[in-house]
Protein backbone atom coordinates (compact mmCIF):
# COMPACT_ATOMS: atom_id res chain seq x y z
CA MET A 1 8.96 -127.21 -90.96
CA PRO A 2 7.43 -125.65 -94.16
CA GLU A 3 9.48 -128.43 -96.51
CA ARG A 4 8.03 -131.35 -94.00
CA ALA A 5 4.59 -129.92 -94.41
CA ALA A 6 5.08 -129.80 -98.14
CA ALA A 7 6.23 -133.40 -98.09
CA VAL A 8 2.70 -134.86 -96.77
CA LEU A 9 0.58 -132.37 -98.76
CA ALA A 10 2.42 -132.82 -102.21
CA PRO A 11 0.93 -136.61 -102.80
CA ALA A 12 -2.49 -135.67 -101.60
CA ILE A 13 -3.24 -132.08 -103.26
CA PHE A 14 -3.48 -130.92 -106.78
CA PRO A 15 -2.54 -127.55 -108.59
CA GLY A 16 -5.45 -125.10 -107.99
CA ALA A 17 -6.45 -126.95 -104.87
CA HIS A 18 -8.43 -124.95 -102.47
CA LEU A 19 -7.53 -125.50 -98.82
CA ALA A 20 -9.18 -124.46 -95.49
CA MET A 21 -7.06 -124.20 -92.40
CA GLY A 22 -8.60 -124.59 -88.95
CA LEU A 23 -6.96 -121.72 -87.10
CA SER A 24 -7.26 -121.73 -83.40
CA GLY A 25 -4.96 -118.67 -82.45
CA GLY A 26 -2.98 -120.92 -80.58
CA VAL A 27 1.11 -121.76 -81.70
CA ASP A 28 0.12 -124.48 -83.51
CA SER A 29 -1.96 -123.33 -86.20
CA VAL A 30 -0.41 -119.78 -86.21
CA ALA A 31 2.78 -122.13 -87.27
CA LEU A 32 1.17 -123.97 -89.68
CA LEU A 33 -0.78 -120.66 -91.22
CA SER A 34 2.74 -119.32 -91.47
CA ALA A 35 4.11 -122.47 -93.50
CA LEU A 36 0.92 -122.52 -95.57
CA THR A 37 1.27 -118.88 -96.73
CA GLU A 38 4.82 -119.81 -97.57
CA LEU A 39 4.04 -123.16 -99.62
CA ALA A 40 0.43 -121.51 -101.28
CA PRO A 41 2.29 -119.79 -104.66
CA VAL A 42 4.91 -122.76 -104.83
CA MET A 43 2.31 -125.50 -104.38
CA ARG A 44 -0.22 -123.65 -106.49
CA PHE A 45 -3.29 -124.09 -104.15
CA SER A 46 -5.25 -121.34 -102.76
CA LEU A 47 -5.87 -120.64 -98.81
CA ARG A 48 -8.22 -119.28 -96.26
CA ALA A 49 -8.28 -119.81 -92.77
CA VAL A 50 -11.62 -121.12 -90.38
CA HIS A 51 -12.01 -119.88 -87.16
CA ILE A 52 -14.44 -121.78 -84.98
CA ASN A 53 -16.22 -120.04 -81.79
CA HIS A 54 -17.09 -122.78 -79.37
CA GLY A 55 -18.49 -120.11 -77.27
CA ILE A 56 -16.69 -121.60 -74.31
CA SER A 57 -13.81 -119.57 -72.85
CA PRO A 58 -14.41 -116.08 -71.73
CA ASN A 59 -11.95 -115.07 -73.85
CA ALA A 60 -13.55 -116.36 -77.15
CA GLU A 61 -14.20 -113.31 -78.72
CA ARG A 62 -10.58 -111.73 -78.32
CA TRP A 63 -9.18 -114.97 -79.89
CA ALA A 64 -11.45 -114.05 -83.16
CA GLU A 65 -10.51 -110.69 -83.15
CA PHE A 66 -6.89 -111.91 -82.90
CA CYS A 67 -7.32 -114.33 -85.73
CA ALA A 68 -8.71 -111.56 -88.24
CA ARG A 69 -5.68 -109.40 -87.50
CA LEU A 70 -3.41 -112.26 -88.38
CA CYS A 71 -5.41 -113.04 -91.33
CA ALA A 72 -4.94 -109.54 -92.47
CA GLY A 73 -1.42 -109.62 -91.88
CA PHE A 74 -0.82 -112.75 -93.67
CA ARG A 75 -3.56 -111.19 -96.32
CA ILE A 76 -5.43 -114.48 -96.05
CA PRO A 77 -9.11 -114.81 -95.81
CA LEU A 78 -10.78 -115.79 -92.81
CA GLN A 79 -13.85 -117.32 -92.19
CA LEU A 80 -15.67 -117.21 -88.96
CA GLU A 81 -18.05 -119.86 -87.85
CA THR A 82 -19.77 -120.09 -84.18
CA VAL A 83 -21.06 -123.18 -82.71
CA ASP A 84 -23.62 -124.71 -80.72
CA ILE A 85 -22.11 -127.50 -78.50
CA GLY A 86 -25.08 -127.75 -75.99
CA PRO A 87 -26.97 -130.94 -78.28
CA TYR A 88 -23.42 -132.58 -77.36
CA ARG A 89 -23.18 -132.33 -74.20
CA ASN A 90 -23.54 -135.84 -73.40
CA LEU A 91 -20.02 -136.38 -75.10
CA GLY A 92 -18.33 -134.22 -72.37
CA LEU A 93 -16.87 -130.63 -72.81
CA GLU A 94 -13.97 -131.64 -75.21
CA GLY A 95 -15.82 -134.57 -77.35
CA ALA A 96 -18.94 -131.86 -77.72
CA ALA A 97 -16.44 -128.89 -78.37
CA ARG A 98 -14.73 -131.58 -80.92
CA GLN A 99 -18.15 -132.96 -82.34
CA ALA A 100 -19.21 -129.54 -83.22
CA ARG A 101 -16.17 -128.41 -84.65
CA TYR A 102 -15.84 -131.17 -87.15
CA GLU A 103 -19.57 -130.56 -88.49
CA ALA A 104 -18.56 -127.04 -89.02
CA PHE A 105 -15.70 -127.79 -91.27
CA ALA A 106 -18.32 -130.50 -93.01
CA ARG A 107 -20.14 -127.09 -93.98
CA VAL A 108 -16.90 -125.52 -95.55
CA ASP A 109 -16.56 -125.23 -99.37
CA ALA A 110 -13.26 -126.47 -99.89
CA ASP A 111 -11.31 -129.50 -101.55
CA PHE A 112 -8.68 -129.74 -98.01
CA ILE A 113 -9.70 -128.89 -94.53
CA VAL A 114 -5.66 -129.06 -92.96
CA LEU A 115 -5.52 -129.01 -89.13
CA ALA A 116 -2.37 -128.40 -87.07
CA GLN A 117 -2.61 -131.86 -84.94
CA HIS A 118 1.14 -132.68 -84.18
CA ARG A 119 3.19 -135.64 -82.94
CA ASP A 120 2.43 -134.95 -79.05
CA ASP A 121 -1.43 -134.73 -79.63
CA GLN A 122 -1.03 -138.05 -81.55
CA ALA A 123 0.86 -139.60 -78.32
CA GLU A 124 -2.31 -138.03 -76.23
CA THR A 125 -4.91 -139.19 -78.44
CA LEU A 126 -3.67 -142.95 -78.26
CA LEU A 127 -2.87 -142.53 -74.34
CA LEU A 128 -6.47 -141.61 -73.92
CA ARG A 129 -7.90 -144.06 -76.67
CA LEU A 130 -5.73 -146.88 -74.77
CA LEU A 131 -7.15 -146.23 -71.44
CA ARG A 132 -10.71 -145.90 -72.45
CA GLY A 133 -10.49 -149.47 -73.92
CA ALA A 134 -10.60 -148.62 -77.82
CA GLY A 135 -10.50 -151.06 -80.35
CA LEU A 136 -7.31 -151.06 -82.96
CA ARG A 137 -9.53 -148.42 -85.23
CA GLY A 138 -9.45 -146.16 -82.23
CA LEU A 139 -5.49 -146.93 -81.02
CA ALA A 140 -4.81 -146.35 -84.98
CA ALA A 141 -5.70 -142.53 -83.34
CA MET A 142 -5.27 -139.53 -85.94
CA SER A 143 -4.46 -140.15 -89.78
CA PRO A 144 -2.38 -137.59 -91.84
CA SER A 145 -5.32 -138.01 -94.45
CA ARG A 146 -8.83 -138.84 -94.36
CA ALA A 147 -12.33 -138.47 -95.90
CA LEU A 148 -14.51 -135.89 -94.05
CA PRO A 149 -17.67 -137.48 -93.85
CA GLY A 150 -20.75 -135.41 -95.26
CA THR A 151 -18.36 -133.42 -97.35
CA ARG A 152 -16.23 -133.85 -100.71
CA ALA A 153 -13.18 -132.64 -98.69
CA ARG A 154 -10.57 -134.46 -97.15
CA LEU A 155 -9.16 -133.51 -93.71
CA LEU A 156 -5.00 -133.24 -93.88
CA ARG A 157 -2.55 -133.11 -90.80
CA PRO A 158 0.66 -132.11 -92.27
CA LEU A 159 2.22 -132.13 -88.98
CA LEU A 160 2.03 -135.23 -87.11
CA ALA A 161 5.44 -135.75 -87.37
CA MET A 162 6.41 -133.02 -85.72
CA SER A 163 6.56 -132.06 -82.15
CA ARG A 164 4.93 -129.16 -80.12
CA ALA A 165 8.87 -128.12 -79.24
CA GLU A 166 9.78 -128.29 -82.95
CA ILE A 167 6.64 -126.13 -83.72
CA GLU A 168 7.27 -123.21 -81.09
CA SER A 169 10.40 -123.34 -82.23
CA TYR A 170 9.82 -122.63 -85.60
CA ALA A 171 7.27 -120.21 -84.36
CA ARG A 172 9.85 -118.14 -82.34
CA LEU A 173 12.45 -118.13 -84.97
CA ARG A 174 9.99 -116.35 -86.98
CA GLY A 175 8.91 -113.72 -84.65
CA LEU A 176 5.13 -115.17 -84.78
CA GLU A 177 2.31 -114.19 -82.17
CA TRP A 178 -0.44 -116.42 -80.67
CA VAL A 179 -2.60 -116.72 -78.04
CA GLU A 180 -2.71 -119.22 -74.93
CA ASP A 181 -6.04 -121.29 -73.98
CA GLU A 182 -6.24 -120.50 -70.14
CA SER A 183 -8.18 -123.91 -70.42
CA ASN A 184 -5.07 -125.85 -71.38
CA VAL A 185 -3.63 -125.64 -68.13
CA ASP A 186 -6.52 -127.31 -66.25
CA THR A 187 -4.95 -130.75 -65.13
CA LEU A 188 -8.76 -131.46 -64.27
CA ARG A 189 -9.11 -132.25 -68.16
CA GLN A 190 -7.65 -135.41 -69.31
CA ARG A 191 -6.01 -134.28 -71.96
CA ASN A 192 -4.63 -131.93 -70.20
CA PHE A 193 -3.36 -134.18 -67.20
CA LEU A 194 -1.44 -136.81 -69.63
CA ARG A 195 0.21 -133.74 -70.87
CA HIS A 196 1.63 -131.57 -68.02
CA GLU A 197 1.44 -134.36 -65.55
CA ALA A 198 1.50 -138.30 -66.89
CA PHE A 199 3.69 -137.86 -69.72
CA PRO A 200 6.46 -135.81 -67.78
CA LEU A 201 6.51 -138.41 -65.20
CA ILE A 202 6.96 -141.05 -68.12
CA GLU A 203 9.64 -139.23 -69.69
CA ARG A 204 11.76 -139.21 -66.76
CA GLN A 205 12.29 -143.03 -67.09
CA PHE A 206 10.88 -143.14 -71.30
CA PRO A 207 12.50 -139.51 -72.44
CA ALA A 208 11.18 -140.40 -75.98
CA ALA A 209 8.15 -141.27 -74.76
CA ARG A 210 5.92 -138.99 -76.65
CA ALA A 211 7.63 -140.30 -80.17
CA THR A 212 7.35 -143.45 -79.38
CA VAL A 213 3.84 -143.56 -78.07
CA ALA A 214 2.97 -141.51 -81.60
CA ARG A 215 5.17 -144.19 -83.85
CA THR A 216 3.45 -147.10 -82.28
CA ALA A 217 -0.08 -145.51 -83.59
CA ALA A 218 1.38 -145.32 -86.90
CA HIS A 219 2.43 -149.32 -86.93
CA LEU A 220 -1.53 -149.52 -85.35
CA ALA A 221 -2.72 -147.47 -88.39
CA GLU A 222 -0.87 -150.18 -90.76
CA ALA A 223 -2.62 -152.80 -89.11
CA ARG A 224 -6.08 -151.25 -89.29
CA GLU A 225 -5.59 -150.98 -93.05
CA LEU A 226 -5.10 -154.57 -93.11
CA LEU A 227 -7.51 -155.49 -91.65
CA ASP A 228 -10.16 -152.97 -93.38
CA GLU A 229 -8.50 -154.67 -96.59
CA MET A 230 -9.49 -158.16 -95.50
CA ALA A 231 -13.07 -156.62 -94.17
CA ARG A 232 -13.51 -155.57 -97.67
CA GLY A 233 -12.81 -159.08 -99.33
CA ASP A 234 -14.85 -160.84 -96.16
CA PHE A 235 -17.98 -158.42 -97.19
CA GLU A 236 -17.83 -159.25 -100.90
CA ARG A 237 -17.56 -163.10 -99.82
CA CYS A 238 -20.82 -162.92 -97.73
CA GLY A 239 -22.61 -160.90 -100.32
CA GLY A 240 -21.93 -157.43 -99.55
CA GLY A 241 -24.54 -154.84 -100.76
CA THR A 242 -27.65 -154.66 -99.34
CA ALA A 243 -27.51 -157.83 -97.26
CA VAL A 244 -25.24 -160.38 -95.92
CA ASP A 245 -24.91 -164.16 -96.22
CA ILE A 246 -25.25 -165.39 -92.72
CA PRO A 247 -23.94 -168.87 -92.64
CA VAL A 248 -20.83 -167.27 -94.66
CA LEU A 249 -20.75 -164.67 -92.05
CA HIS A 250 -20.46 -167.76 -89.01
CA ARG A 251 -18.12 -169.86 -91.09
CA LEU A 252 -15.48 -166.33 -90.86
CA GLY A 253 -14.85 -167.13 -87.38
CA GLU A 254 -15.66 -164.48 -84.25
CA ALA A 255 -13.13 -161.85 -85.37
CA ARG A 256 -13.43 -162.01 -88.97
CA ALA A 257 -17.23 -161.84 -88.43
CA LYS A 258 -16.72 -158.72 -86.13
CA ASN A 259 -14.58 -157.09 -88.81
CA VAL A 260 -17.02 -157.34 -91.47
CA LEU A 261 -19.90 -155.91 -88.93
CA ARG A 262 -17.62 -152.90 -88.29
CA HIS A 263 -16.78 -152.77 -91.83
CA TRP A 264 -20.83 -152.62 -92.97
CA CYS A 265 -21.47 -150.18 -90.34
CA GLU A 266 -18.80 -147.78 -91.95
CA THR A 267 -20.03 -148.38 -95.61
CA ARG A 268 -23.36 -147.07 -94.24
CA GLY A 269 -21.88 -144.13 -92.80
CA PHE A 270 -22.50 -144.52 -89.01
CA GLU A 271 -20.36 -145.49 -85.93
CA PRO A 272 -19.31 -149.06 -85.68
CA LEU A 273 -21.05 -151.27 -83.04
CA SER A 274 -19.06 -151.52 -79.61
CA ALA A 275 -17.35 -154.58 -79.26
CA ALA A 276 -19.79 -155.96 -76.42
CA ARG A 277 -22.85 -155.04 -79.05
CA THR A 278 -21.09 -156.83 -81.89
CA ALA A 279 -20.68 -159.93 -79.77
CA GLU A 280 -24.46 -159.94 -79.07
CA LEU A 281 -25.32 -159.59 -82.79
CA LEU A 282 -23.44 -162.47 -83.55
CA ARG A 283 -24.73 -164.27 -80.51
CA GLN A 284 -28.18 -163.66 -81.35
CA LEU A 285 -28.10 -164.36 -84.90
CA ARG A 286 -26.51 -167.78 -84.16
CA GLU A 287 -28.90 -169.04 -81.80
CA SER A 288 -32.02 -167.60 -83.61
CA ARG A 289 -33.88 -169.79 -86.16
CA PRO A 290 -33.70 -168.77 -89.81
CA ASP A 291 -37.50 -168.79 -89.65
CA SER A 292 -38.10 -166.55 -87.07
CA ARG A 293 -38.72 -162.83 -86.78
CA PHE A 294 -35.35 -161.47 -85.78
CA SER A 295 -34.20 -157.74 -85.24
CA PHE A 296 -31.09 -155.63 -83.67
CA ALA A 297 -31.89 -152.21 -82.89
CA VAL A 298 -28.84 -149.61 -82.78
CA PRO A 299 -29.09 -145.74 -82.81
CA GLY A 300 -31.00 -144.83 -86.26
CA TRP A 301 -30.56 -148.12 -87.95
CA THR A 302 -31.67 -151.92 -87.21
CA PHE A 303 -30.25 -155.24 -88.44
CA LEU A 304 -32.69 -157.63 -89.40
CA ARG A 305 -32.79 -161.09 -90.43
CA TYR A 306 -34.85 -162.77 -93.44
CA ARG A 307 -34.58 -166.41 -94.24
CA GLU A 308 -30.47 -166.94 -94.27
CA LYS A 309 -29.97 -163.15 -94.82
CA LEU A 310 -28.85 -160.36 -92.64
CA TYR A 311 -30.00 -156.85 -93.82
CA LEU A 312 -29.32 -153.29 -92.52
CA ARG A 313 -32.10 -150.82 -92.56
CA ARG A 314 -32.09 -147.19 -91.79
CA ALA A 315 -34.79 -146.41 -89.13
CA SER A 316 -37.59 -144.76 -90.88
CA GLU A 317 -40.54 -142.72 -89.89
CA THR A 318 -44.28 -144.16 -89.57
CA LEU A 319 -45.67 -144.39 -93.43
CA GLU A 320 -49.01 -142.81 -94.41
CA ARG A 321 -50.85 -145.90 -95.35
CA ASP A 322 -53.47 -143.82 -97.64
CA LEU A 323 -50.49 -142.40 -99.59
CA ARG A 324 -51.26 -141.72 -103.06
CA GLU A 325 -49.06 -140.49 -105.94
CA VAL A 326 -49.90 -139.25 -109.54
CA TRP A 327 -47.52 -140.26 -112.00
CA ASP A 328 -47.16 -137.05 -114.60
CA GLY A 329 -45.77 -138.96 -117.36
CA GLY A 330 -41.87 -138.32 -116.35
CA ASN A 331 -38.67 -140.60 -116.57
CA ALA A 332 -38.60 -140.77 -112.70
CA LEU A 333 -41.07 -140.01 -109.54
CA PRO A 334 -38.79 -139.12 -106.59
CA MET A 335 -40.88 -140.47 -103.32
CA LEU A 336 -38.71 -139.00 -100.70
CA SER A 337 -41.20 -140.58 -97.73
CA LEU A 338 -40.53 -144.20 -98.96
CA GLY A 339 -36.66 -143.21 -99.52
CA GLY A 340 -36.80 -143.42 -103.18
CA VAL A 341 -37.35 -142.58 -106.85
CA LEU A 342 -39.48 -144.87 -108.89
CA LYS A 343 -37.95 -144.55 -112.64
CA PHE A 344 -39.89 -145.37 -115.78
CA LYS A 345 -37.82 -146.16 -118.75
CA PRO A 346 -39.19 -146.11 -122.17
CA GLU A 347 -38.49 -149.51 -124.31
CA GLU A 348 -40.25 -150.67 -127.42
CA GLY A 349 -42.11 -154.14 -126.76
CA ARG A 350 -41.40 -154.59 -123.27
CA GLY A 351 -42.92 -153.08 -119.80
CA LEU A 352 -46.15 -151.92 -119.46
CA SER A 353 -48.20 -150.46 -122.40
CA VAL A 354 -48.19 -146.66 -122.82
CA ALA A 355 -51.40 -146.82 -124.59
CA LYS A 356 -53.05 -149.17 -122.33
CA LEU A 357 -51.86 -146.81 -119.44
CA ARG A 358 -53.34 -143.74 -120.94
CA ALA A 359 -56.81 -145.35 -120.46
CA GLY A 360 -56.80 -144.50 -116.80
CA ARG A 361 -55.00 -141.93 -113.94
CA VAL A 362 -51.92 -143.56 -113.05
CA THR A 363 -51.09 -143.77 -109.02
CA VAL A 364 -48.81 -144.77 -106.65
CA ARG A 365 -50.08 -146.21 -103.58
CA LEU A 366 -48.79 -148.81 -100.75
CA ARG A 367 -49.69 -152.03 -100.11
CA GLN A 368 -53.57 -152.03 -98.35
CA GLY A 369 -53.74 -155.94 -98.33
CA GLY A 370 -55.56 -158.04 -100.52
CA GLU A 371 -53.98 -156.63 -103.75
CA ARG A 372 -53.57 -159.47 -106.21
CA LEU A 373 -51.57 -159.44 -109.70
CA ARG A 374 -51.89 -161.65 -112.55
CA LEU A 375 -48.36 -162.34 -114.51
CA ASP A 376 -48.98 -164.94 -116.76
CA THR A 377 -52.15 -165.60 -119.02
CA ARG A 378 -51.95 -169.27 -118.43
CA ARG A 379 -52.43 -168.76 -114.45
CA PRO A 380 -54.85 -167.10 -111.92
CA ARG A 381 -54.30 -163.86 -110.61
CA ARG A 382 -52.35 -164.04 -107.44
CA THR A 383 -52.25 -162.82 -104.12
CA LEU A 384 -49.30 -160.17 -103.28
CA LYS A 385 -48.70 -162.09 -99.99
CA ASN A 386 -48.09 -165.34 -102.10
CA LEU A 387 -45.67 -163.42 -104.78
CA PHE A 388 -43.55 -161.74 -102.03
CA ARG A 389 -43.08 -164.87 -100.28
CA GLU A 390 -41.88 -166.55 -103.87
CA TRP A 391 -39.82 -163.93 -104.82
CA GLY A 392 -38.11 -163.69 -101.58
CA ILE A 393 -38.97 -159.97 -100.62
CA PRO A 394 -38.12 -159.37 -96.86
CA PRO A 395 -41.39 -158.27 -94.80
CA TRP A 396 -40.20 -155.06 -94.02
CA ARG A 397 -39.70 -153.91 -97.78
CA ARG A 398 -43.24 -154.93 -98.76
CA ALA A 399 -44.98 -152.25 -96.68
CA ARG A 400 -42.36 -149.69 -98.02
CA LEU A 401 -42.91 -150.92 -101.78
CA PRO A 402 -44.88 -148.71 -104.29
CA LEU A 403 -47.02 -150.07 -106.40
CA ILE A 404 -48.43 -148.47 -109.71
CA PHE A 405 -51.97 -148.83 -110.30
CA CYS A 406 -54.46 -147.63 -113.39
CA GLY A 407 -57.33 -146.73 -112.26
CA ASP A 408 -58.08 -149.18 -109.47
CA VAL A 409 -56.03 -152.01 -111.30
CA LEU A 410 -52.83 -152.84 -109.87
CA VAL A 411 -50.55 -152.93 -113.15
CA SER A 412 -47.30 -153.46 -111.64
CA VAL A 413 -45.20 -154.24 -108.81
CA PRO A 414 -41.24 -153.36 -109.02
CA GLY A 415 -39.47 -156.06 -108.72
CA ILE A 416 -42.04 -158.97 -109.41
CA GLY A 417 -43.10 -158.18 -112.67
CA ASP A 418 -46.62 -156.47 -114.48
CA ALA A 419 -49.92 -157.64 -115.05
CA CYS A 420 -49.94 -159.53 -118.48
CA GLU A 421 -53.37 -157.64 -119.59
CA PHE A 422 -50.97 -154.40 -119.28
CA ARG A 423 -48.21 -155.80 -121.14
CA ALA A 424 -46.74 -153.64 -124.38
CA ALA A 425 -47.02 -155.86 -127.43
CA PRO A 426 -44.06 -156.39 -129.84
CA ALA A 427 -43.15 -152.92 -131.68
CA GLU A 428 -45.48 -151.18 -129.18
CA ALA A 429 -44.17 -148.24 -126.91
CA GLY A 430 -43.71 -149.69 -123.50
CA LEU A 431 -42.15 -148.47 -120.02
CA ILE A 432 -39.92 -150.69 -118.04
CA VAL A 433 -40.92 -149.73 -114.23
CA THR A 434 -38.11 -149.90 -111.59
CA TRP A 435 -37.77 -148.98 -107.74
CA GLU A 436 -34.47 -147.42 -106.72
CA PRO A 437 -34.38 -146.63 -102.91
CA PHE A 438 -31.71 -143.89 -102.20
CA ASP A 439 -29.61 -145.51 -99.74
């Protein structure tokens, strides 16, 4: 078992890496802790265990005490975490515990989080997701290595190629002790039903069912990687970045367009839409006019159309329209309520004249309506409304765009330009103003 775990770890970790292992106290995690303790000096990584108390079982405190004794025997540091599953009850008991557990792992300071899930867990996961109608991403089940959102750590599962029986055999041969979770025999829970009733019945006809199903998950994972690669290329073809070109998206066809939208959601860090919601978004895009107001809300985000572009914007709080920030002369002015930072880059003979800005108090405000800006000495001042249309600034961005004033005179609109009467002369100290949203 240590050799097989090492074969998975070796390509992923580096000398001096810090590994934190999820320790429940069950046979799988106890066996993995034993193997990692043996591998640590050879592979030159540091190791500690993390035990998470979900507060579900009446034996939770006893399990924590067992893990403390076990780690003391192995001379491995133990980190105890207590989580509240209450906020996630809508996910069901198992789903709530999993969500709270992974959020706790994301708070652990480590290079890698190592979990003891194995081949039988993989088979059960695939069958569960199949019965719930998951798409290809879900059916690929658990990956041996993946990023852990919200942290620098990667998640590693070095036992996915080993069966539960092999792990238990290793634990007995080593004389290891472990605890038994009484909930593991409750067949009202879906995973336990598959483990104790469905798979034994299937194995009467198909003895290698768990290994075969787990192998299928690996094939599906390869197919998912190919789709991900296609999605990245199609996303770039559609413009990528902050907006997607809608005509190009439609020309990809329904399946590839859905793949692009799923990829886009993932790059922005939220759960991809369901198949039904994705299909509905594409239908509404096809049937809406290019000049129509279009929005499609999803939890925490909104898809918005402007002209022939589709934008994805984070849902934001209501703005204070009378927002007013005083510029202190620094090179950066963070504006958290607007979700970005205003940059002032020194440039000789370009941008706003530093000398002219000293004539009044420089403030940053939001649009109130009626503002005008003169970009060209040969033309009159123009309304921001007309300039926004000409420059293709989407309506929802206009209200959140910071405007720079000197006294009561509008002198710069990031992304559009500076008032000509405030521009730096050749060889004069100037400032290039840019607005950089955090996302």
